[in-house]
């Protein structure tokens, strides 16, 4: 390992799933606010043009190699790690009885669960030294069920309880572990909804704030959880969903009619 570059008081973050959506917005936000960032994604093309203060690394987070490489890169280049944002995720749940359903579910669990576990495991020694924090990207899909989304729902629900368990395990070592549970956000995953005006309108009627979130809004919540302002917060899941989870959905929202 090469000698680390001096960073002064600048903090250092690793962000996975940084090529698009919430991960990209998070990497850019942290960099804009003066942090060094190691941005990781399976898509090398998506990592282009992220901006200054960002080092990129391509690989599959469901394997140990890229998680170790991200930590080594951060330590080689910047000498420390203060935050890991374990954001990479995937969906596309097939019907349970369809051919290949279990193989696809294994892939979803590999990225959405195994990936964050390996990412935290690789970063723990550095986080212990910095008394840093980890933020996992869960989902409101981990709080309730969706039709035809069983594997994704299960992976995100497990992630939320994983955060509770890790928070307990590492609190005495000065490491905070929290989760973000985004609601519907304008990312590539929801692009098909925005191409169907009737479907978009129907979904937005269920959201008390009446719109999808922007990725930057989710990144701001991640920034808060990683910051000293959240220094007494660990083991929690911050729901950022425009009130979606608060709405039972049986009655129309104020200003709406049946």
Protein backbone atom coordinates (compact mmCIF):
# COMPACT_ATOMS: atom_id res chain seq x y z
CA UNK A 1 0.00 0.00 0.00
CA UNK A 2 1.35 3.42 -0.93
CA UNK A 3 1.72 6.29 1.51
CA UNK A 4 -1.59 8.10 2.00
CA UNK A 5 -2.07 11.58 0.65
CA UNK A 6 -2.63 14.25 3.31
CA UNK A 7 -6.29 15.27 3.59
CA UNK A 8 -6.19 17.83 6.40
CA UNK A 9 -9.66 18.02 7.90
CA UNK A 10 -11.39 16.70 4.78
CA UNK A 11 -13.57 13.69 5.37
CA UNK A 12 -13.58 10.65 3.10
CA UNK A 13 -16.59 8.61 1.94
CA UNK A 14 -17.16 5.47 -0.09
CA UNK A 15 -20.44 5.43 -2.04
CA UNK A 16 -21.64 2.29 -3.82
CA UNK A 17 -24.19 2.29 -6.63
CA UNK A 18 -22.80 5.71 -7.54
CA UNK A 19 -23.37 5.64 -11.30
CA UNK A 20 -26.99 6.77 -11.19
CA UNK A 21 -29.93 7.83 -9.08
CA UNK A 22 -29.51 8.30 -5.35
CA UNK A 23 -25.94 7.01 -5.33
CA UNK A 24 -24.79 9.45 -7.98
CA UNK A 25 -26.52 12.36 -6.25
CA UNK A 26 -24.91 11.32 -2.95
CA UNK A 27 -21.39 11.07 -4.36
CA UNK A 28 -21.74 14.47 -5.98
CA UNK A 29 -23.24 16.09 -2.88
CA UNK A 30 -20.48 14.80 -0.61
CA UNK A 31 -17.83 15.98 -3.09
CA UNK A 32 -19.46 19.41 -3.46
CA UNK A 33 -19.29 19.79 0.32
CA UNK A 34 -15.57 19.15 0.38
CA UNK A 35 -15.30 15.43 1.02
CA UNK A 36 -13.15 13.02 -0.93
CA UNK A 37 -15.30 10.27 -2.43
CA UNK A 38 -14.58 6.80 -3.80
CA UNK A 39 -17.54 6.07 -6.09
CA UNK A 40 -18.25 2.41 -6.87
CA UNK A 41 -20.61 0.90 -9.43
CA UNK A 42 -20.89 -2.12 -11.68
CA UNK A 43 -21.31 0.24 -14.67
CA UNK A 44 -18.03 1.97 -15.58
CA UNK A 45 -19.78 4.19 -18.12
CA UNK A 46 -22.10 5.60 -15.48
CA UNK A 47 -19.15 6.69 -13.36
CA UNK A 48 -17.93 9.15 -15.98
CA UNK A 49 -18.14 12.89 -15.31
CA UNK A 50 -19.04 12.64 -11.64
CA UNK A 51 -16.90 15.67 -10.87
CA UNK A 52 -13.82 16.59 -8.87
CA UNK A 53 -12.88 15.07 -5.52
CA UNK A 54 -14.31 11.74 -6.77
CA UNK A 55 -12.26 8.63 -7.53
CA UNK A 56 -14.15 5.92 -9.40
CA UNK A 57 -14.00 2.15 -9.19
CA UNK A 58 -16.00 -0.39 -11.19
CA UNK A 59 -17.09 -3.78 -9.89
CA UNK A 60 -19.84 -6.00 -8.50
CA UNK A 61 -20.45 -5.26 -4.82
CA UNK A 62 -21.85 -8.75 -4.23
CA UNK A 63 -18.24 -9.98 -4.35
CA UNK A 64 -15.51 -9.31 -1.80
CA UNK A 65 -12.92 -8.04 -4.27
CA UNK A 66 -14.47 -4.69 -5.16
CA UNK A 67 -15.37 -3.96 -1.53
CA UNK A 68 -11.79 -4.54 -0.44
CA UNK A 69 -10.54 -2.52 -3.41
CA UNK A 70 -12.76 0.44 -2.50
CA UNK A 71 -11.35 0.52 1.03
CA UNK A 72 -7.77 0.12 -0.20
CA UNK A 73 -8.29 2.90 -2.75
CA UNK A 74 -9.65 5.29 -0.13
CA UNK A 75 -6.80 4.55 2.27
CA UNK A 76 -4.12 4.72 -0.43
CA UNK A 77 -5.38 8.01 -1.83
CA UNK A 78 -6.69 9.78 1.26
CA UNK A 79 -5.47 7.93 4.32
CA UNK A 80 -8.83 7.49 6.06
CA UNK A 81 -12.52 6.57 5.72
CA UNK A 82 -15.22 8.41 7.63
CA UNK A 83 -18.38 7.15 5.93
CA UNK A 84 -19.50 4.23 3.82
CA UNK A 85 -22.77 4.71 1.95
CA UNK A 86 -23.87 1.20 1.00
CA UNK A 87 -26.38 2.18 -1.62
CA UNK A 88 -26.01 -0.29 -4.50
CA UNK A 89 -29.17 -2.26 -5.14
CA UNK A 90 -31.21 -4.03 -7.76
CA UNK A 91 -34.79 -5.15 -8.33
CA UNK A 92 -36.74 -6.91 -11.02
CA UNK A 93 -38.51 -9.58 -8.98
CA UNK A 94 -40.09 -12.29 -11.17
CA UNK A 95 -43.24 -14.25 -10.24
CA UNK A 96 -42.35 -16.91 -7.69
CA UNK A 97 -43.41 -19.81 -9.91
CA UNK A 98 -41.72 -18.57 -13.08
CA UNK A 99 -38.60 -20.24 -14.51
CA UNK A 100 -35.45 -18.70 -13.11
CA UNK A 101 -37.26 -16.97 -10.23
CA UNK A 102 -34.98 -18.36 -7.55
CA UNK A 103 -31.82 -17.55 -9.49
CA UNK A 104 -33.04 -13.97 -9.90
CA UNK A 105 -33.93 -13.76 -6.23
CA UNK A 106 -30.45 -15.00 -5.34
CA UNK A 107 -29.00 -12.18 -7.44
CA UNK A 108 -31.22 -9.59 -5.73
CA UNK A 109 -30.24 -10.89 -2.30
CA UNK A 110 -26.59 -10.92 -3.37
CA UNK A 111 -26.56 -7.26 -4.36
CA UNK A 112 -29.02 -5.90 -1.79
CA UNK A 113 -27.87 -7.88 1.27
CA UNK A 114 -24.54 -9.61 0.68
CA UNK A 115 -23.14 -6.45 -0.91
CA UNK A 116 -23.77 -4.16 2.09
CA UNK A 117 -22.54 -6.84 4.49
CA UNK A 118 -19.27 -7.17 2.58
CA UNK A 119 -18.97 -3.40 2.20
CA UNK A 120 -19.28 -2.80 5.93
CA UNK A 121 -17.01 -5.74 6.77
CA UNK A 122 -14.24 -4.34 4.58
CA UNK A 123 -14.55 -0.84 6.02
CA UNK A 124 -14.85 -1.67 9.74
CA UNK A 125 -11.13 -1.33 10.64
CA UNK A 126 -10.95 2.12 9.03
CA UNK A 127 -14.28 3.22 10.52
CA UNK A 128 -13.09 2.07 13.93
CA UNK A 129 -10.07 4.38 13.64
CA UNK A 130 -12.14 7.37 12.48
CA UNK A 131 -15.15 6.60 14.70
CA UNK A 132 -17.12 6.87 11.49
CA UNK A 133 -20.50 5.72 10.26
CA UNK A 134 -22.28 3.59 7.71
CA UNK A 135 -25.51 4.43 5.90
CA UNK A 136 -27.40 1.63 4.15
CA UNK A 137 -29.99 2.42 1.48
CA UNK A 138 -33.07 0.40 2.33
CA UNK A 139 -36.54 1.30 0.99
CA UNK A 140 -40.14 1.84 2.02
CA UNK A 141 -40.53 -1.49 0.21
CA UNK A 142 -38.85 -2.99 3.28
CA UNK A 143 -41.60 -1.64 5.52
CA UNK A 144 -44.60 -3.00 3.62
CA UNK A 145 -45.38 -5.39 0.80
CA UNK A 146 -45.87 -4.65 -2.89
CA UNK A 147 -47.57 -6.87 -5.46
CA UNK A 148 -45.07 -8.82 -7.53
CA UNK A 149 -42.06 -7.57 -5.59
CA UNK A 150 -41.44 -10.33 -3.06
CA UNK A 151 -37.65 -10.68 -3.41
CA UNK A 152 -36.99 -6.94 -3.35
CA UNK A 153 -39.37 -6.47 -0.40
CA UNK A 154 -37.65 -9.25 1.51
CA UNK A 155 -34.15 -7.96 0.80
CA UNK A 156 -34.95 -4.43 1.95
CA UNK A 157 -36.80 -5.61 5.07
CA UNK A 158 -33.80 -7.74 5.99
CA UNK A 159 -31.49 -4.78 5.42
CA UNK A 160 -33.45 -2.68 7.92
CA UNK A 161 -33.03 -5.29 10.65
CA UNK A 162 -29.42 -5.84 9.64
CA UNK A 163 -28.80 -2.17 10.39
CA UNK A 164 -30.28 -2.58 13.87
CA UNK A 165 -28.06 -5.60 14.55
CA UNK A 166 -24.87 -3.95 13.27
CA UNK A 167 -25.63 -0.78 15.21
CA UNK A 168 -25.69 -2.81 18.41
CA UNK A 169 -22.55 -4.76 17.52
CA UNK A 170 -20.42 -1.70 16.75
CA UNK A 171 -21.76 1.08 18.97
CA UNK A 172 -19.15 0.44 21.67
CA UNK A 173 -16.45 0.84 19.01
CA UNK A 174 -17.71 4.30 18.08
CA UNK A 175 -19.26 3.30 14.75
CA UNK A 176 -22.79 4.41 13.93
CA UNK A 177 -24.93 2.37 11.51
CA UNK A 178 -28.19 3.71 10.06
CA UNK A 179 -30.45 3.25 7.07
CA UNK A 180 -32.33 5.47 4.67
CA UNK A 181 -35.70 4.22 3.45
CA UNK A 182 -36.45 6.22 0.30
CA UNK A 183 -39.93 6.40 -1.07
CA UNK A 184 -40.67 6.80 -4.76
CA UNK A 185 -37.80 8.75 -6.31
CA UNK A 186 -37.07 9.90 -9.84
CA UNK A 187 -34.42 7.36 -10.80
CA UNK A 188 -33.91 4.83 -13.55
CA UNK A 189 -35.86 2.26 -11.53
CA UNK A 190 -39.02 4.40 -11.74
CA UNK A 191 -38.49 5.68 -15.30
CA UNK A 192 -41.25 3.43 -16.68
CA UNK A 193 -43.78 5.06 -14.37
CA UNK A 194 -42.97 8.52 -15.70
CA UNK A 195 -43.58 7.29 -19.24
CA UNK A 196 -47.19 6.45 -18.35
CA UNK A 197 -49.07 9.65 -17.36
CA UNK A 198 -52.12 7.80 -16.05
CA UNK A 199 -50.03 5.48 -13.88
CA UNK A 200 -47.91 8.39 -12.63
CA UNK A 201 -51.01 10.37 -11.64
CA UNK A 202 -52.51 7.37 -9.85
CA UNK A 203 -49.35 6.77 -7.83
CA UNK A 204 -48.81 10.43 -6.98
CA UNK A 205 -52.36 10.55 -5.57
CA UNK A 206 -51.20 8.10 -2.88
CA UNK A 207 -48.29 10.31 -1.80
CA UNK A 208 -49.35 13.06 0.65
CA UNK A 209 -46.77 15.48 -0.75
CA UNK A 210 -48.10 14.66 -4.22
CA UNK A 211 -44.85 13.96 -6.07
CA UNK A 212 -41.84 11.71 -6.40
CA UNK A 213 -38.64 12.70 -4.59
CA UNK A 214 -35.61 13.96 -6.45
CA UNK A 215 -32.37 11.98 -5.91
CA UNK A 216 -30.77 15.05 -4.35
CA UNK A 217 -33.39 15.07 -1.60
CA UNK A 218 -32.48 11.52 -0.66
CA UNK A 219 -28.79 12.42 -0.79
CA UNK A 220 -29.40 15.24 1.68
CA UNK A 221 -30.90 12.74 4.13
CA UNK A 222 -27.88 10.45 3.71
CA UNK A 223 -25.61 13.44 4.31
CA UNK A 224 -27.43 14.15 7.57
CA UNK A 225 -27.17 10.55 8.81
CA UNK A 226 -23.44 10.52 8.05
CA UNK A 227 -22.75 13.93 9.59
CA UNK A 228 -21.83 14.94 13.15
CA UNK A 229 -25.34 16.41 13.40
CA UNK A 230 -26.57 12.81 13.70
CA UNK A 231 -23.91 11.90 16.24
CA UNK A 232 -26.41 10.34 18.68
CA UNK A 233 -28.36 8.44 16.03
CA UNK A 234 -27.61 4.79 15.40
CA UNK A 235 -29.68 1.73 14.55
CA UNK A 236 -32.49 3.76 13.00
CA UNK A 237 -34.13 3.90 9.58
CA UNK A 238 -34.96 7.37 8.33
CA UNK A 239 -38.03 7.22 6.08
CA UNK A 240 -37.95 9.86 3.31
CA UNK A 241 -41.09 9.18 1.30
CA UNK A 242 -43.30 12.27 1.17
CA UNK A 243 -45.65 10.71 3.72
CA UNK A 244 -46.32 7.57 1.65
CA UNK A 245 -45.85 5.13 4.52
CA UNK A 246 -48.00 7.27 6.81
CA UNK A 247 -50.97 6.95 4.44
CA UNK A 248 -53.13 3.86 4.83
CA UNK A 249 -54.52 4.59 1.37
CA UNK A 250 -58.15 3.65 1.95
CA UNK A 251 -59.56 7.18 1.94
CA UNK A 252 -58.68 9.97 -0.48
CA UNK A 253 -56.17 12.53 0.70
CA UNK A 254 -57.32 16.06 1.55
CA UNK A 255 -58.25 17.88 -1.64
CA UNK A 256 -58.97 14.62 -3.46
CA UNK A 257 -62.24 12.80 -4.08
CA UNK A 258 -63.19 9.19 -4.72
